[in-house]
Amino acid sequence: MANKGLQNLKQQVEGAAQEAVTVAGAAVQDAVDQATSAGQKALDQVVKTTQETMDKTTNQASETVSGFGKKLGLLK
């Protein structure tokens, strides 16, 4: 009889431990997903900012070259 009670207690403990592992695993996965999402958003922002900077620099260089051309009489 006592052996049956110990067996039930063991099963309950094992079940609780398995549930704790499952919950912890889900929490870790959520944290990884959030970090991945945040990293992707940061990377997207860096790419966007870099592209905008390159566009502005290209436009400024084009305007500068055009200005020199006009000053030298090469462009109208």
C-alpha atoms as a PDB file:
ATOM      1  CA  MET A   1       0.000   0.000   0.000  1.00  0.00           C
ATOM      2  CA  ALA A   2       2.781   2.408   0.956  1.00  0.00           C
ATOM      3  CA  ASN A   3       4.604   1.378  -2.208  1.00  0.00           C
ATOM      4  CA  LYS A   4       1.537   2.398  -4.281  1.00  0.00           C
ATOM      5  CA  GLY A   5       1.461   5.801  -2.551  1.00  0.00           C
ATOM      6  CA  LEU A   6       5.153   6.318  -3.265  1.00  0.00           C
ATOM      7  CA  GLN A   7       4.605   5.329  -6.885  1.00  0.00           C
ATOM      8  CA  ASN A   8       1.791   7.886  -7.243  1.00  0.00           C
ATOM      9  CA  LEU A   9       3.910  10.570  -5.569  1.00  0.00           C
ATOM     10  CA  LYS A  10       6.795   9.762  -7.912  1.00  0.00           C
ATOM     11  CA  GLN A  11       4.496  10.075 -10.928  1.00  0.00           C
ATOM     12  CA  GLN A  12       3.149  13.398  -9.674  1.00  0.00           C
ATOM     13  CA  VAL A  13       6.661  14.737  -9.129  1.00  0.00           C
ATOM     14  CA  GLU A  14       7.769  13.575 -12.558  1.00  0.00           C
ATOM     15  CA  GLY A  15       4.699  15.155 -14.146  1.00  0.00           C
ATOM     16  CA  ALA A  16       5.314  18.447 -12.361  1.00  0.00           C
ATOM     17  CA  ALA A  17       8.975  18.390 -13.352  1.00  0.00           C
ATOM     18  CA  GLN A  18       8.080  17.707 -16.989  1.00  0.00           C
ATOM     19  CA  GLU A  19       5.557  20.548 -16.952  1.00  0.00           C
ATOM     20  CA  ALA A  20       8.168  22.894 -15.470  1.00  0.00           C
ATOM     21  CA  VAL A  21      10.619  21.918 -18.208  1.00  0.00           C
ATOM     22  CA  THR A  22       7.971  22.514 -20.876  1.00  0.00           C
ATOM     23  CA  VAL A  23       7.074  25.949 -19.452  1.00  0.00           C
ATOM     24  CA  ALA A  24      10.748  26.906 -19.146  1.00  0.00           C
ATOM     25  CA  GLY A  25      11.392  25.775 -22.716  1.00  0.00           C
ATOM     26  CA  ALA A  26       8.494  27.874 -23.982  1.00  0.00           C
ATOM     27  CA  ALA A  27       9.783  30.905 -22.056  1.00  0.00           C
ATOM     28  CA  VAL A  28      13.255  30.472 -23.519  1.00  0.00           C
ATOM     29  CA  GLN A  29      11.799  30.142 -27.025  1.00  0.00           C
ATOM     30  CA  ASP A  30       9.759  33.313 -26.519  1.00  0.00           C
ATOM     31  CA  ALA A  31      12.887  35.165 -25.396  1.00  0.00           C
ATOM     32  CA  VAL A  32      14.815  33.918 -28.437  1.00  0.00           C
ATOM     33  CA  ASP A  33      11.966  34.931 -30.753  1.00  0.00           C
ATOM     34  CA  GLN A  34      11.819  38.422 -29.235  1.00  0.00           C
ATOM     35  CA  ALA A  35      15.588  38.861 -29.473  1.00  0.00           C
ATOM     36  CA  THR A  36      15.549  37.683 -33.086  1.00  0.00           C
ATOM     37  CA  SER A  37      12.733  40.071 -33.931  1.00  0.00           C
ATOM     38  CA  ALA A  38      14.485  42.979 -32.223  1.00  0.00           C
ATOM     39  CA  GLY A  39      17.726  42.145 -34.014  1.00  0.00           C
ATOM     40  CA  GLN A  40      15.961  42.021 -37.376  1.00  0.00           C
ATOM     41  CA  LYS A  41      14.263  45.363 -36.721  1.00  0.00           C
ATOM     42  CA  ALA A  42      17.597  46.914 -35.789  1.00  0.00           C
ATOM     43  CA  LEU A  43      19.236  45.500 -38.907  1.00  0.00           C
ATOM     44  CA  ASP A  44      16.379  46.775 -41.079  1.00  0.00           C
ATOM     45  CA  GLN A  45      16.812  50.248 -39.568  1.00  0.00           C
ATOM     46  CA  VAL A  46      20.575  50.197 -40.217  1.00  0.00           C
ATOM     47  CA  VAL A  47      20.004  49.210 -43.851  1.00  0.00           C
ATOM     48  CA  LYS A  48      17.348  51.913 -44.284  1.00  0.00           C
ATOM     49  CA  THR A  49      19.548  54.598 -42.724  1.00  0.00           C
ATOM     50  CA  THR A  50      22.549  53.525 -44.788  1.00  0.00           C
ATOM     51  CA  GLN A  51      20.494  53.628 -47.995  1.00  0.00           C
ATOM     52  CA  GLU A  52      19.142  57.090 -47.156  1.00  0.00           C
ATOM     53  CA  THR A  53      22.655  58.347 -46.395  1.00  0.00           C
ATOM     54  CA  MET A  54      23.983  56.918 -49.652  1.00  0.00           C
ATOM     55  CA  ASP A  55      21.129  58.534 -51.596  1.00  0.00           C
ATOM     56  CA  LYS A  56      21.774  61.925 -49.989  1.00  0.00           C
ATOM     57  CA  THR A  57      25.510  61.659 -50.596  1.00  0.00           C
ATOM     58  CA  THR A  58      24.959  60.682 -54.232  1.00  0.00           C
ATOM     59  CA  ASN A  59      22.590  63.599 -54.760  1.00  0.00           C
ATOM     60  CA  GLN A  60      25.019  66.030 -53.140  1.00  0.00           C
ATOM     61  CA  ALA A  61      27.898  64.740 -55.248  1.00  0.00           C
ATOM     62  CA  SER A  62      25.801  65.038 -58.390  1.00  0.00           C
ATOM     63  CA  GLU A  63      24.843  68.606 -57.529  1.00  0.00           C
ATOM     64  CA  THR A  64      28.470  69.467 -56.801  1.00  0.00           C
ATOM     65  CA  VAL A  65      29.686  68.038 -60.107  1.00  0.00           C
ATOM     66  CA  SER A  66      26.875  69.827 -61.919  1.00  0.00           C
ATOM     67  CA  GLY A  67      27.852  73.079 -60.214  1.00  0.00           C
ATOM     68  CA  PHE A  68      31.473  72.674 -61.256  1.00  0.00           C
ATOM     69  CA  GLY A  69      30.378  71.907 -64.805  1.00  0.00           C
ATOM     70  CA  LYS A  70      28.281  75.050 -64.912  1.00  0.00           C
ATOM     71  CA  LYS A  71      31.125  77.159 -63.484  1.00  0.00           C
ATOM     72  CA  LEU A  72      33.501  75.762 -66.061  1.00  0.00           C
ATOM     73  CA  GLY A  73      30.996  76.355 -68.842  1.00  0.00           C
ATOM     74  CA  LEU A  74      30.687  72.659 -69.640  1.00  0.00           C
ATOM     75  CA  LEU A  75      27.016  72.486 -68.601  1.00  0.00           C
ATOM     76  CA  LYS A  76      24.158  74.895 -69.073  1.00  0.00           C
END
